[in-house]
Amino acid sequence: MRVGPGGRAHLSYCTNIHPGEDWAAVRAELERFLPPLRGALSPDEHFGVGLRLSARAARELRSDLGALSAFRGWLDAQGLYVFTMNGFPYGGFHRGRVKDRVYAPDWRTRERVEYTLELAHLLVALLPAETEGGISTSPISYKPWLDPGEWEDVLAAGARHLAEVAVELAGIHETKGTIVHVDIEPEPDCLIENGEETVRFFQEHLFREGREVVVRGTGLTAAAAEELLRRHIRVCYDTCHFAVQYEDPAEALDRFEAAGIAIGKVQLSAALATPMEQPHEVARALRPFAEGTYLHQVVERTGQGGLRRYRDLPEALSLLERSAAGTDAREWRVHYHVPLFTEGLVGGLRSTRKELEEALRLVMERGLSDHLEVETYTWEVLPDELKTDLGTSIRQELAWVLARLDALGTGGPGGGG
């Protein structure tokens, strides 16, 4: 959907919510869910799509020109359009153990480069005219896989590979006039997990090692190479991830603006949060969320204002239940994407919806990004009392966002307001 003043921005949800790792399965899910959603939410306007394709599905679609042409024709006939892709999960993302596998292959590898470029060429084939495209991607690698002494080398390798991708994206821009950007998505426990680490990566690695790759590959001056990187490598601001890190939205967005780093996409998502006044009650309330598919990192705020981190909710709960967690704990925030339309959850738990609303307000008021994507992917693993019919859940989340945009005076479908 086009939203905001003049319909400047695009709003959708990420189809990583749907199972399917091959193209046939993905296409079936899109046909099942997208037309009814457009009819309910945007009957008189085109409806945007946040497309997720695994590496397998991307290869299948790009190698079959007939299937790609048929898909583009179906999108047009249904009043749908793709404007963004999720290039974070490379392989399986549903109905099996994902956990830290979601970060593999990381940005040290050719596989990650080739997958991202595959998505870029597909996106160019699907984008409407005069529309920028974005691809969110993983934040280089996962810290627990590495010795801390390796972190700088891995960041440098990731910067070089991202720069290689940027050079090809610049070539697409030059020949086709289409801008596609890759949007790095900071996440807890990854090599880039917060605003400070994001800016540091851009300034100390992408604009150094990465810039050298661009200069060698294009013959541009250093200044022009950096401009190319700023255009094609951006940030995906996931509101759940930044809230888990206790980052104030205004401070985080100010930090990126001051560094001249663009926000390519905002993923609208909310984390679990709870005060720690009654730790054992908290443990009981959180236990149903300790499931075996996804990683749910926990960040604890202590009485002294420090942060203590746990790699996954089951590990954190085990310590809490044995009273081994820090007794000075004041709050837990959990990387568990929960429904946007409910702030109060089971067992007295809440979500970080206020942080999401503040980030959305700032992004729209400042015009920081034209890509808005709801990204609650946990419907299959939510506790039963939070589950509803999937189509209804998606409609409720998008309707909630549209209501917030109306409240902000920035308008819903068609850009009214």
Protein backbone atom coordinates (compact mmCIF):
# COMPACT_ATOMS: atom_id res chain seq x y z
CA MET A 1 0.00 0.00 0.00
CA ARG A 2 1.10 3.55 -0.62
CA VAL A 3 0.97 5.57 2.59
CA GLY A 4 2.18 8.88 3.93
CA PRO A 5 2.03 12.35 2.39
CA GLY A 6 1.51 12.01 -1.33
CA GLY A 7 1.66 8.23 -1.04
CA ARG A 8 5.43 8.51 -0.74
CA ALA A 9 5.96 5.40 1.38
CA HIS A 10 5.11 1.73 0.87
CA LEU A 11 3.61 -0.53 3.54
CA SER A 12 3.31 -4.31 3.54
CA TYR A 13 4.10 -7.37 5.63
CA CYS A 14 6.98 -9.80 5.17
CA THR A 15 5.98 -13.09 3.57
CA ASN A 16 8.56 -14.93 5.68
CA ILE A 17 5.44 -15.51 7.77
CA HIS A 18 4.45 -18.24 5.30
CA PRO A 19 6.16 -21.65 5.10
CA GLY A 20 7.68 -22.71 1.79
CA GLU A 21 11.28 -23.10 0.67
CA ASP A 22 10.77 -23.90 -3.04
CA TRP A 23 9.14 -21.60 -5.58
CA ALA A 24 6.00 -23.68 -6.05
CA ALA A 25 5.25 -23.60 -2.32
CA VAL A 26 5.94 -19.87 -2.11
CA ARG A 27 3.69 -19.11 -5.07
CA ALA A 28 0.86 -21.17 -3.57
CA GLU A 29 1.04 -19.23 -0.28
CA LEU A 30 1.09 -15.88 -2.06
CA GLU A 31 -1.95 -16.83 -4.13
CA ARG A 32 -3.78 -17.92 -0.99
CA PHE A 33 -3.15 -14.85 1.14
CA LEU A 34 -2.37 -11.78 -0.96
CA PRO A 35 -5.59 -11.24 -2.99
CA PRO A 36 -7.87 -11.39 0.09
CA LEU A 37 -5.58 -9.01 1.97
CA ARG A 38 -5.60 -6.53 -0.85
CA GLY A 39 -9.40 -6.80 -1.05
CA ALA A 40 -9.76 -6.13 2.67
CA LEU A 41 -7.15 -3.41 3.10
CA SER A 42 -6.53 -1.73 -0.23
CA PRO A 43 -9.38 -2.55 -2.65
CA ASP A 44 -8.96 0.64 -4.68
CA GLU A 45 -5.15 0.81 -4.60
CA HIS A 46 -2.29 -1.51 -5.44
CA PHE A 47 -1.06 -3.59 -2.50
CA GLY A 48 2.67 -3.88 -1.79
CA VAL A 49 4.44 -7.16 -1.15
CA GLY A 50 7.44 -7.79 1.11
CA LEU A 51 8.72 -10.94 -0.57
CA ARG A 52 10.85 -13.59 1.11
CA LEU A 53 12.54 -16.20 -1.07
CA SER A 54 14.97 -18.82 0.15
CA ALA A 55 18.12 -19.37 -1.90
CA ARG A 56 16.46 -22.42 -3.44
CA ALA A 57 13.28 -20.57 -4.41
CA ALA A 58 15.27 -17.63 -5.78
CA ARG A 59 17.38 -19.91 -8.00
CA GLU A 60 14.30 -21.72 -9.26
CA LEU A 61 12.45 -18.54 -10.13
CA ARG A 62 15.38 -16.77 -11.79
CA SER A 63 16.28 -19.82 -13.88
CA ASP A 64 12.72 -20.13 -15.24
CA LEU A 65 11.93 -17.03 -17.27
CA GLY A 66 8.45 -18.32 -17.98
CA ALA A 67 7.68 -18.65 -14.28
CA LEU A 68 9.10 -15.19 -13.58
CA SER A 69 7.06 -13.62 -16.39
CA ALA A 70 3.94 -15.46 -15.21
CA PHE A 71 4.48 -14.23 -11.65
CA ARG A 72 4.90 -10.63 -12.78
CA GLY A 73 1.72 -10.98 -14.85
CA TRP A 74 -0.16 -12.41 -11.86
CA LEU A 75 1.00 -9.55 -9.64
CA ASP A 76 -0.20 -6.99 -12.18
CA ALA A 77 -3.55 -8.74 -12.63
CA GLN A 78 -4.12 -8.87 -8.88
CA GLY A 79 -3.15 -5.25 -8.22
CA LEU A 80 -0.01 -6.29 -6.34
CA TYR A 81 3.60 -5.14 -6.52
CA VAL A 82 6.89 -6.15 -4.90
CA PHE A 83 8.99 -3.33 -3.45
CA THR A 84 11.16 -5.07 -0.86
CA MET A 85 12.65 -8.50 -0.18
CA ASN A 86 13.86 -10.25 2.94
CA GLY A 87 17.29 -11.69 2.17
CA PHE A 88 18.17 -12.54 5.78
CA PRO A 89 17.19 -16.26 6.08
CA TYR A 90 19.06 -18.19 3.38
CA GLY A 91 17.51 -21.60 3.96
CA GLY A 92 14.65 -23.21 5.88
CA PHE A 93 12.73 -20.85 8.15
CA HIS A 94 9.72 -22.85 9.30
CA ARG A 95 8.68 -26.11 10.98
CA GLY A 96 12.15 -27.15 12.05
CA ARG A 97 15.00 -25.97 14.24
CA VAL A 98 16.28 -22.64 12.88
CA LYS A 99 18.04 -21.00 15.89
CA ASP A 100 21.51 -19.71 14.89
CA ARG A 101 21.29 -21.37 11.45
CA VAL A 102 19.43 -18.26 10.33
CA TYR A 103 22.80 -16.45 10.19
CA ALA A 104 24.39 -19.01 7.85
CA PRO A 105 25.95 -18.62 5.43
CA ASP A 106 27.32 -15.35 6.74
CA TRP A 107 28.89 -12.44 4.86
CA ARG A 108 32.32 -14.11 4.78
CA THR A 109 31.00 -16.47 2.10
CA ARG A 110 30.41 -16.42 -1.63
CA GLU A 111 27.04 -18.08 -1.00
CA ARG A 112 25.76 -14.97 0.78
CA VAL A 113 27.00 -12.70 -2.01
CA GLU A 114 25.46 -14.83 -4.75
CA TYR A 115 22.14 -15.19 -2.94
CA THR A 116 21.87 -11.43 -2.43
CA LEU A 117 22.64 -10.73 -6.08
CA GLU A 118 20.10 -13.35 -7.14
CA LEU A 119 17.47 -11.51 -5.13
CA ALA A 120 18.58 -8.16 -6.55
CA HIS A 121 18.11 -9.27 -10.15
CA LEU A 122 14.71 -10.75 -9.33
CA LEU A 123 13.69 -7.56 -7.57
CA VAL A 124 14.67 -5.46 -10.58
CA ALA A 125 12.49 -7.69 -12.76
CA LEU A 126 9.51 -7.25 -10.42
CA LEU A 127 9.73 -3.59 -9.35
CA PRO A 128 7.21 -1.13 -10.77
CA ALA A 129 8.66 1.75 -12.76
CA GLU A 130 10.31 4.53 -10.77
CA THR A 131 10.26 2.53 -7.54
CA GLU A 132 13.31 1.88 -5.38
CA GLY A 133 13.82 -1.67 -4.15
CA GLY A 134 15.42 -2.88 -0.95
CA ILE A 135 16.76 -6.19 0.34
CA SER A 136 17.27 -6.68 4.07
CA THR A 137 20.21 -8.85 5.04
CA SER A 138 21.99 -10.36 8.01
CA PRO A 139 24.39 -8.30 10.18
CA ILE A 140 27.61 -9.94 8.89
CA SER A 141 27.89 -12.89 11.32
CA TYR A 142 26.99 -14.26 14.75
CA LYS A 143 29.34 -13.42 17.62
CA PRO A 144 29.16 -16.79 19.47
CA TRP A 145 30.57 -18.52 16.36
CA LEU A 146 33.74 -16.44 16.56
CA ASP A 147 36.62 -15.71 18.86
CA PRO A 148 36.52 -11.97 19.70
CA GLY A 149 39.94 -11.67 18.09
CA GLU A 150 38.34 -12.60 14.76
CA TRP A 151 35.59 -9.98 14.81
CA GLU A 152 37.48 -7.23 12.99
CA ASP A 153 38.65 -9.53 10.21
CA VAL A 154 35.14 -10.88 9.69
CA LEU A 155 33.70 -7.36 9.60
CA ALA A 156 36.30 -6.40 7.02
CA ALA A 157 35.47 -9.45 4.90
CA GLY A 158 31.79 -8.60 5.11
CA ALA A 159 32.48 -5.01 4.07
CA ARG A 160 34.40 -6.18 1.01
CA HIS A 161 31.62 -8.55 -0.03
CA LEU A 162 28.93 -5.94 0.49
CA ALA A 163 30.96 -3.52 -1.60
CA GLU A 164 31.15 -6.10 -4.36
CA VAL A 165 27.37 -6.34 -4.29
CA ALA A 166 27.11 -2.54 -4.32
CA VAL A 167 29.22 -2.33 -7.47
CA GLU A 168 26.80 -4.64 -9.28
CA LEU A 169 23.83 -2.70 -7.95
CA ALA A 170 25.43 0.50 -9.25
CA GLY A 171 25.74 -1.15 -12.65
CA ILE A 172 22.02 -1.97 -12.58
CA HIS A 173 21.30 1.64 -11.67
CA GLU A 174 23.40 2.91 -14.54
CA THR A 175 21.93 0.60 -17.18
CA LYS A 176 18.30 0.36 -16.03
CA GLY A 177 17.82 3.49 -13.94
CA THR A 178 16.63 1.37 -10.99
CA ILE A 179 17.98 1.84 -7.48
CA VAL A 180 18.25 -1.27 -5.33
CA HIS A 181 19.81 -1.11 -1.88
CA VAL A 182 20.91 -3.81 0.56
CA ASP A 183 19.77 -3.03 4.10
CA ILE A 184 21.83 -4.43 6.99
CA GLU A 185 19.60 -5.53 9.86
CA PRO A 186 21.26 -5.28 13.31
CA GLU A 187 20.22 -8.07 15.67
CA PRO A 188 21.16 -9.06 19.24
CA ASP A 189 24.37 -11.13 19.56
CA CYS A 190 25.40 -10.51 15.95
CA LEU A 191 28.56 -8.71 14.85
CA ILE A 192 26.36 -5.67 14.26
CA GLU A 193 23.75 -5.61 17.00
CA ASN A 194 23.06 -1.97 17.85
CA GLY A 195 23.31 1.57 16.56
CA GLU A 196 26.86 2.17 17.75
CA GLU A 197 28.17 -1.00 16.13
CA THR A 198 26.28 -0.19 12.92
CA VAL A 199 27.84 3.25 12.55
CA ARG A 200 31.25 1.87 13.44
CA PHE A 201 30.94 -0.82 10.74
CA PHE A 202 30.06 1.74 8.09
CA GLN A 203 32.78 4.20 9.08
CA GLU A 204 35.62 1.83 9.91
CA HIS A 205 35.01 -1.01 7.48
CA LEU A 206 32.53 -0.30 4.69
CA PHE A 207 33.96 3.16 3.96
CA ARG A 208 37.53 1.78 4.16
CA GLU A 209 37.94 -1.82 3.00
CA GLY A 210 34.65 -1.63 1.09
CA ARG A 211 35.53 1.64 -0.55
CA GLU A 212 38.80 0.18 -1.83
CA VAL A 213 36.84 -2.61 -3.52
CA VAL A 214 34.62 -0.06 -5.26
CA VAL A 215 37.58 2.08 -6.37
CA ARG A 216 39.34 -0.96 -7.85
CA GLY A 217 36.18 -2.23 -9.51
CA THR A 218 34.96 1.03 -11.01
CA GLY A 219 37.85 3.48 -11.21
CA LEU A 220 35.85 6.01 -9.22
CA THR A 221 37.47 8.45 -6.84
CA ALA A 222 37.36 7.60 -3.15
CA ALA A 223 34.65 10.22 -2.58
CA ALA A 224 32.49 8.90 -5.42
CA ALA A 225 33.00 5.32 -4.23
CA GLU A 226 31.77 6.26 -0.76
CA GLU A 227 28.74 7.97 -2.29
CA LEU A 228 27.99 4.77 -4.22
CA LEU A 229 28.18 2.74 -1.01
CA ARG A 230 25.89 5.12 0.84
CA ARG A 231 23.32 4.81 -1.93
CA HIS A 232 23.34 1.02 -2.18
CA ILE A 233 24.15 -0.13 1.37
CA ARG A 234 21.73 1.06 4.06
CA VAL A 235 20.24 -0.01 7.39
CA CYS A 236 17.15 -2.08 8.08
CA TYR A 237 15.76 -0.64 11.33
CA ASP A 238 13.90 -3.47 13.05
CA THR A 239 11.97 -1.87 15.91
CA CYS A 240 11.95 -5.10 17.95
CA HIS A 241 15.73 -5.53 17.72
CA PHE A 242 16.51 -1.96 18.74
CA ALA A 243 14.01 -2.10 21.60
CA VAL A 244 15.61 -5.32 22.91
CA GLN A 245 18.87 -3.36 23.10
CA TYR A 246 17.10 -0.58 25.08
CA GLU A 247 17.96 1.94 22.40
CA ASP A 248 15.88 5.09 22.42
CA PRO A 249 14.41 5.49 18.90
CA ALA A 250 15.21 9.20 18.67
CA GLU A 251 18.81 8.68 19.76
CA ALA A 252 19.32 5.75 17.39
CA LEU A 253 17.83 7.56 14.40
CA ASP A 254 19.76 10.74 15.25
CA ARG A 255 22.95 8.66 15.29
CA PHE A 256 22.31 7.36 11.77
CA GLU A 257 21.33 10.77 10.43
CA ALA A 258 24.46 12.36 11.89
CA ALA A 259 26.61 9.69 10.20
CA GLY A 260 24.81 10.10 6.86
CA ILE A 261 23.65 6.47 6.90
CA ALA A 262 20.28 5.95 5.24
CA ILE A 263 17.44 3.79 6.57
CA GLY A 264 16.51 1.52 3.68
CA LYS A 265 13.66 -0.25 5.44
CA VAL A 266 11.83 -0.12 8.76
CA GLN A 267 10.60 -3.47 10.02
CA LEU A 268 7.65 -2.86 12.31
CA SER A 269 7.88 -5.39 15.12
CA ALA A 270 7.47 -5.60 18.88
CA ALA A 271 9.49 -7.52 21.46
CA LEU A 272 8.46 -9.20 24.70
CA ALA A 273 9.22 -7.10 27.78
CA THR A 274 8.66 -7.46 31.50
CA PRO A 275 9.76 -5.82 34.75
CA MET A 276 11.59 -8.18 37.10
CA GLU A 277 9.84 -7.31 40.34
CA GLN A 278 8.66 -10.92 40.78
CA PRO A 279 11.25 -13.06 38.95
CA HIS A 280 9.62 -16.43 39.52
CA GLU A 281 6.26 -15.14 38.28
CA VAL A 282 8.07 -13.81 35.23
CA ALA A 283 9.63 -17.22 34.66
CA ARG A 284 6.21 -18.89 34.72
CA ALA A 285 4.77 -16.34 32.30
CA LEU A 286 7.69 -16.63 29.88
CA ARG A 287 8.03 -20.42 29.89
CA PRO A 288 5.40 -20.93 27.08
CA PHE A 289 7.51 -18.68 24.83
CA ALA A 290 10.66 -20.82 25.22
CA GLU A 291 10.16 -22.77 22.00
CA GLY A 292 12.64 -24.69 19.88
CA THR A 293 12.45 -23.08 16.43
CA TYR A 294 13.86 -19.56 16.69
CA LEU A 295 16.50 -17.83 18.78
CA HIS A 296 15.01 -15.54 21.42
CA GLN A 297 17.90 -13.55 22.84
CA VAL A 298 17.31 -11.90 26.22
CA VAL A 299 18.80 -8.58 27.33
CA GLU A 300 18.49 -7.78 31.02
CA ARG A 301 18.68 -4.24 32.41
CA THR A 302 20.26 -4.15 35.84
CA GLY A 303 19.74 -1.77 38.74
CA GLN A 304 22.96 0.03 37.81
CA GLY A 305 21.73 0.58 34.26
CA GLY A 306 24.03 -2.04 32.76
CA LEU A 307 22.97 -4.75 30.33
CA ARG A 308 23.39 -8.49 30.79
CA ARG A 309 22.84 -10.80 27.81
CA TYR A 310 21.61 -14.37 27.39
CA ARG A 311 21.86 -16.18 24.06
CA ASP A 312 18.38 -17.71 24.18
CA LEU A 313 15.26 -17.60 26.34
CA PRO A 314 15.46 -21.24 27.56
CA GLU A 315 18.98 -20.61 28.86
CA ALA A 316 17.91 -17.39 30.59
CA LEU A 317 14.87 -19.04 32.16
CA SER A 318 16.92 -21.95 33.43
CA LEU A 319 19.17 -19.54 35.30
CA LEU A 320 16.24 -17.49 36.55
CA GLU A 321 14.37 -20.54 37.82
CA ARG A 322 17.45 -21.62 39.76
CA SER A 323 17.74 -18.07 41.14
CA ALA A 324 21.14 -17.83 39.48
CA ALA A 325 20.27 -14.80 37.35
CA GLY A 326 21.53 -11.48 38.63
CA THR A 327 19.51 -10.38 41.65
CA ASP A 328 19.85 -6.78 40.52
CA ALA A 329 17.73 -7.42 37.40
CA ARG A 330 15.16 -4.69 36.73
CA GLU A 331 13.75 -5.62 33.31
CA TRP A 332 13.99 -8.28 30.63
CA ARG A 333 13.46 -7.69 26.93
CA VAL A 334 13.21 -10.75 24.72
CA HIS A 335 13.81 -11.04 20.98
CA TYR A 336 10.44 -12.60 20.35
CA HIS A 337 8.28 -10.87 17.75
CA VAL A 338 4.77 -10.60 19.25
CA PRO A 339 1.56 -9.22 17.69
CA LEU A 340 1.60 -5.47 17.16
CA PHE A 341 -2.06 -4.98 18.01
CA THR A 342 -1.81 -6.02 21.66
CA GLU A 343 0.49 -4.34 24.17
CA GLY A 344 -0.58 -6.38 27.19
CA LEU A 345 0.16 -10.10 26.84
CA VAL A 346 -0.40 -13.25 28.87
CA GLY A 347 0.80 -13.46 32.47
CA GLY A 348 1.29 -9.72 32.87
CA LEU A 349 3.88 -9.53 30.10
CA ARG A 350 3.91 -6.55 27.79
CA SER A 351 5.43 -5.68 24.45
CA THR A 352 7.69 -2.85 23.28
CA ARG A 353 4.87 -1.36 21.22
CA LYS A 354 5.49 2.13 22.61
CA GLU A 355 9.02 2.04 21.23
CA LEU A 356 7.64 0.87 17.89
CA GLU A 357 5.11 3.70 17.80
CA GLU A 358 7.78 6.28 18.60
CA ALA A 359 10.09 4.95 15.89
CA LEU A 360 7.25 4.98 13.34
CA ARG A 361 6.37 8.56 14.27
CA LEU A 362 9.94 9.77 13.85
CA VAL A 363 10.49 7.91 10.59
CA MET A 364 7.34 9.35 9.04
CA GLU A 365 7.79 12.89 10.35
CA ARG A 366 11.40 13.04 9.18
CA GLY A 367 10.87 11.10 5.95
CA LEU A 368 13.68 8.72 6.88
CA SER A 369 12.50 5.69 4.91
CA ASP A 370 9.93 4.87 2.24
CA HIS A 371 9.76 1.14 3.05
CA LEU A 372 7.63 -0.07 5.98
CA GLU A 373 7.24 -3.79 6.56
CA VAL A 374 5.40 -5.57 9.36
CA GLU A 375 7.57 -8.50 10.47
CA THR A 376 5.83 -10.74 12.98
CA TYR A 377 6.93 -14.20 11.83
CA THR A 378 6.20 -16.19 15.00
CA TRP A 379 2.52 -17.02 14.51
CA GLU A 380 3.10 -20.78 14.34
CA VAL A 381 5.06 -20.86 17.62
CA LEU A 382 3.07 -18.38 19.72
CA PRO A 383 1.36 -19.70 22.86
CA ASP A 384 -2.14 -20.89 21.96
CA GLU A 385 -3.91 -18.00 23.70
CA LEU A 386 -2.22 -15.52 21.33
CA LYS A 387 -2.88 -17.44 18.12
CA THR A 388 -5.62 -16.48 15.69
CA ASP A 389 -6.35 -17.32 12.07
CA LEU A 390 -3.29 -16.25 10.07
CA GLY A 391 -5.14 -14.16 7.49
CA THR A 392 -7.01 -12.37 10.27
CA SER A 393 -3.77 -11.78 12.17
CA ILE A 394 -2.06 -10.19 9.17
CA ARG A 395 -5.06 -7.95 8.50
CA GLN A 396 -5.18 -6.88 12.14
CA GLU A 397 -1.50 -5.94 12.18
CA LEU A 398 -1.67 -3.92 8.98
CA ALA A 399 -4.91 -2.26 10.09
CA TRP A 400 -3.20 -1.33 13.36
CA VAL A 401 -0.33 0.32 11.46
CA LEU A 402 -2.76 2.17 9.20
CA ALA A 403 -4.61 3.46 12.26
CA ARG A 404 -1.34 4.69 13.77
CA LEU A 405 -0.47 6.46 10.53
CA ASP A 406 -3.88 8.12 10.51
CA ALA A 407 -3.36 9.21 14.10
CA LEU A 408 -0.06 10.75 13.08
CA GLY A 409 -1.77 12.57 10.23
CA THR A 410 0.36 10.82 7.64
CA GLY A 411 -2.44 8.92 6.00
CA GLY A 412 -3.37 5.41 4.92
CA PRO A 413 -3.77 3.86 1.46
CA GLY A 414 -3.42 6.41 -1.31
CA GLY A 415 -1.46 8.82 0.89
CA GLY A 416 -4.36 10.67 2.45
CA GLY A 417 -3.97 12.52 5.68
